[in-house]
Amino acid sequence: MDTSSSEAARLLRLLAVRASALALLAGITGETLLTLISALTGLGLLLVPVGSTADRRADQSAAT
């Protein structure tokens, strides 16, 4: 894993934590739809594969 993919993973984890915190706050206030959207966004950001995007980017730059 190179530095660009580790930085991308760190950024995605940070955004996932913020989305999860927003889901928690929205859940406390009773905003059901916002809670659901924020929770799914946070989960999606945690599960996104970062290494495959870095590999794909390397393959595209090698082809050009």
Protein backbone atom coordinates (compact mmCIF):
# COMPACT_ATOMS: atom_id res chain seq x y z
CA MET A 1 0.00 0.00 0.00
CA ASP A 2 1.61 3.25 -1.06
CA THR A 3 1.24 6.61 0.67
CA SER A 4 -1.55 7.87 -1.59
CA SER A 5 -3.77 4.87 -0.87
CA SER A 6 -3.04 5.02 2.86
CA GLU A 7 -3.94 8.71 2.86
CA ALA A 8 -7.15 7.92 0.98
CA ALA A 9 -7.99 5.18 3.50
CA ARG A 10 -7.37 7.60 6.38
CA LEU A 11 -9.59 10.22 4.77
CA LEU A 12 -12.38 7.71 4.13
CA ARG A 13 -12.22 6.50 7.75
CA LEU A 14 -12.41 10.09 8.97
CA LEU A 15 -15.45 10.79 6.80
CA ALA A 16 -17.06 7.54 7.95
CA VAL A 17 -16.63 8.51 11.60
CA ARG A 18 -18.16 11.92 10.94
CA ALA A 19 -21.11 10.39 9.09
CA SER A 20 -21.63 7.94 11.94
CA ALA A 21 -21.54 10.77 14.49
CA LEU A 22 -24.10 12.65 12.41
CA ALA A 23 -26.27 9.51 12.36
CA LEU A 24 -26.06 9.29 16.13
CA LEU A 25 -27.04 12.92 16.59
CA ALA A 26 -29.86 12.64 14.07
CA GLY A 27 -31.10 9.51 15.79
CA ILE A 28 -31.21 11.26 19.15
CA THR A 29 -33.20 14.15 17.70
CA GLY A 30 -35.65 11.79 15.97
CA GLU A 31 -34.79 12.50 12.33
CA THR A 32 -35.32 8.98 11.00
CA LEU A 33 -34.51 9.53 7.33
CA LEU A 34 -31.35 11.53 8.06
CA THR A 35 -30.27 8.86 10.55
CA LEU A 36 -30.71 6.11 7.98
CA ILE A 37 -28.90 8.00 5.22
CA SER A 38 -26.00 8.99 7.48
CA ALA A 39 -25.61 5.50 8.90
CA LEU A 40 -25.56 3.90 5.45
CA THR A 41 -23.09 6.51 4.21
CA GLY A 42 -20.78 5.89 7.16
CA LEU A 43 -20.96 2.14 6.68
CA GLY A 44 -20.32 2.46 2.96
CA LEU A 45 -17.28 4.65 3.53
CA LEU A 46 -15.87 2.14 5.99
CA LEU A 47 -16.30 -0.76 3.60
CA VAL A 48 -15.07 0.83 0.36
CA PRO A 49 -11.96 -0.96 -0.98
CA VAL A 50 -9.17 1.61 -1.18
CA GLY A 51 -6.44 -0.67 -2.55
CA SER A 52 -8.35 -1.55 -5.69
CA THR A 53 -8.77 2.10 -6.66
CA ALA A 54 -5.04 2.71 -6.22
CA ASP A 55 -4.25 -0.33 -8.36
CA ARG A 56 -6.68 0.81 -11.04
CA ARG A 57 -5.10 4.27 -11.05
CA ALA A 58 -1.62 2.74 -11.46
CA ASP A 59 -2.85 0.59 -14.35
CA GLN A 60 -4.33 3.63 -16.12
CA SER A 61 -1.14 5.67 -15.75
CA ALA A 62 0.96 2.77 -17.04
CA ALA A 63 -1.28 2.41 -20.11
CA THR A 64 -0.79 6.06 -21.15
